[in-house]
Amino acid sequence: SFFFSSESTEVDPCDIFFSSLASLQAQLPKETGVYSLPFENQSESVTFKLADGSFLISQSGQVQITSVNGSVVAGSMTARFDDDNFVEGSFALIVCAEE
């Protein structure tokens, strides 16, 4: 899982799921390729976590994984739930340890 936040507060990114901050949670494939949203694999998703604690799963978009190097995954995405909840850009993310 990968977690993003638009907040400038210092928070452990692997603990943000338990935070009250609005964030973006992404459970992405760990193989290079281009993937359409929603993902075919039900265990993968791009989810907007709102400040009120609700979750919105992206209904359209695309994720491109360009490299997987150890614990770092890089790529780009365009993910949209609706006109108020969407994201577009590139990323380089450290994989959070699975528990």
Protein backbone atom coordinates (compact mmCIF):
# COMPACT_ATOMS: atom_id res chain seq x y z
CA SER A 1 0.00 0.00 0.00
CA PHE A 2 1.07 3.56 -0.64
CA PHE A 3 -0.27 6.65 1.09
CA PHE A 4 -0.12 10.26 -0.07
CA SER A 5 -1.26 13.39 1.76
CA SER A 6 -1.62 16.96 0.60
CA GLU A 7 -1.00 18.13 4.17
CA SER A 8 2.39 19.63 5.04
CA THR A 9 2.32 17.99 8.48
CA GLU A 10 5.11 15.52 9.23
CA VAL A 11 3.44 12.12 9.48
CA ASP A 12 4.86 8.65 8.93
CA PRO A 13 3.38 7.85 5.50
CA CYS A 14 2.81 4.23 6.51
CA ASP A 15 0.69 5.37 9.49
CA ILE A 16 -1.40 7.96 7.64
CA PHE A 17 -4.22 5.43 7.13
CA PHE A 18 -4.87 5.83 10.84
CA SER A 19 -4.65 9.62 10.68
CA SER A 20 -7.52 12.13 10.55
CA LEU A 21 -5.82 13.85 7.58
CA ALA A 22 -7.32 13.67 4.11
CA SER A 23 -5.11 11.44 1.97
CA LEU A 24 -4.85 9.21 -1.06
CA GLN A 25 -4.34 5.50 -0.52
CA ALA A 26 -3.08 3.40 -3.41
CA GLN A 27 -2.75 -0.34 -3.48
CA LEU A 28 -0.83 -0.72 -6.72
CA PRO A 29 0.55 -3.58 -8.79
CA LYS A 30 4.23 -4.20 -8.08
CA GLU A 31 5.05 -4.89 -11.73
CA THR A 32 5.78 -2.39 -14.50
CA GLY A 33 2.93 -1.77 -16.91
CA VAL A 34 -0.10 0.36 -17.69
CA TYR A 35 -3.27 -0.35 -15.71
CA SER A 36 -6.77 1.06 -16.19
CA LEU A 37 -8.92 2.10 -13.23
CA PRO A 38 -10.79 0.55 -11.65
CA PHE A 39 -8.25 -2.29 -11.47
CA GLU A 40 -9.32 -5.78 -12.53
CA ASN A 41 -7.68 -7.19 -9.38
CA GLN A 42 -10.04 -6.38 -6.49
CA SER A 43 -7.14 -6.13 -4.00
CA GLU A 44 -5.73 -3.11 -5.91
CA SER A 45 -7.29 0.35 -5.82
CA VAL A 46 -6.73 4.09 -5.65
CA THR A 47 -8.87 5.46 -2.81
CA PHE A 48 -9.48 9.02 -1.63
CA LYS A 49 -9.75 9.20 2.18
CA LEU A 50 -11.65 12.34 3.12
CA ALA A 51 -11.13 14.31 6.33
CA ASP A 52 -14.53 13.09 7.59
CA GLY A 53 -13.24 9.49 7.44
CA SER A 54 -15.18 8.41 4.35
CA PHE A 55 -13.51 6.59 1.45
CA LEU A 56 -14.07 7.09 -2.29
CA ILE A 57 -12.64 4.48 -4.70
CA SER A 58 -11.46 5.86 -8.05
CA GLN A 59 -13.90 5.03 -10.82
CA SER A 60 -11.74 5.98 -13.81
CA GLY A 61 -8.19 6.75 -14.80
CA GLN A 62 -4.91 5.03 -15.46
CA VAL A 63 -1.80 4.05 -13.51
CA GLN A 64 1.55 3.49 -15.18
CA ILE A 65 4.23 1.74 -13.13
CA THR A 66 7.55 2.61 -14.80
CA SER A 67 9.97 0.98 -12.35
CA VAL A 68 10.10 -1.24 -9.30
CA ASN A 69 13.50 -1.08 -7.61
CA GLY A 70 13.65 -2.80 -4.24
CA SER A 71 11.19 -0.96 -2.01
CA VAL A 72 10.67 2.00 -4.39
CA VAL A 73 7.91 2.04 -7.00
CA ALA A 74 7.81 4.86 -9.57
CA GLY A 75 5.26 5.85 -12.15
CA SER A 76 2.40 8.19 -12.93
CA MET A 77 -1.35 8.19 -12.50
CA THR A 78 -4.57 9.92 -13.36
CA ALA A 79 -7.27 8.81 -10.94
CA ARG A 80 -10.79 10.20 -10.61
CA PHE A 81 -13.79 9.54 -8.39
CA ASP A 82 -15.69 12.68 -9.46
CA ASP A 83 -15.05 16.33 -10.39
CA ASP A 84 -14.13 17.16 -6.78
CA ASN A 85 -11.92 14.13 -6.07
CA PHE A 86 -9.16 13.45 -8.58
CA VAL A 87 -5.37 13.35 -8.83
CA GLU A 88 -2.87 13.46 -11.68
CA GLY A 89 0.92 13.31 -11.58
CA SER A 90 4.10 11.32 -11.18
CA PHE A 91 5.31 9.51 -8.09
CA ALA A 92 8.24 7.67 -6.53
CA LEU A 93 7.02 5.80 -3.46
CA ILE A 94 8.53 3.68 -0.73
CA VAL A 95 6.54 0.49 -0.19
CA CYS A 96 5.11 0.25 3.34
CA ALA A 97 5.81 -3.08 5.02
CA GLU A 98 2.83 -5.41 4.88
CA GLU A 99 1.66 -6.64 8.25
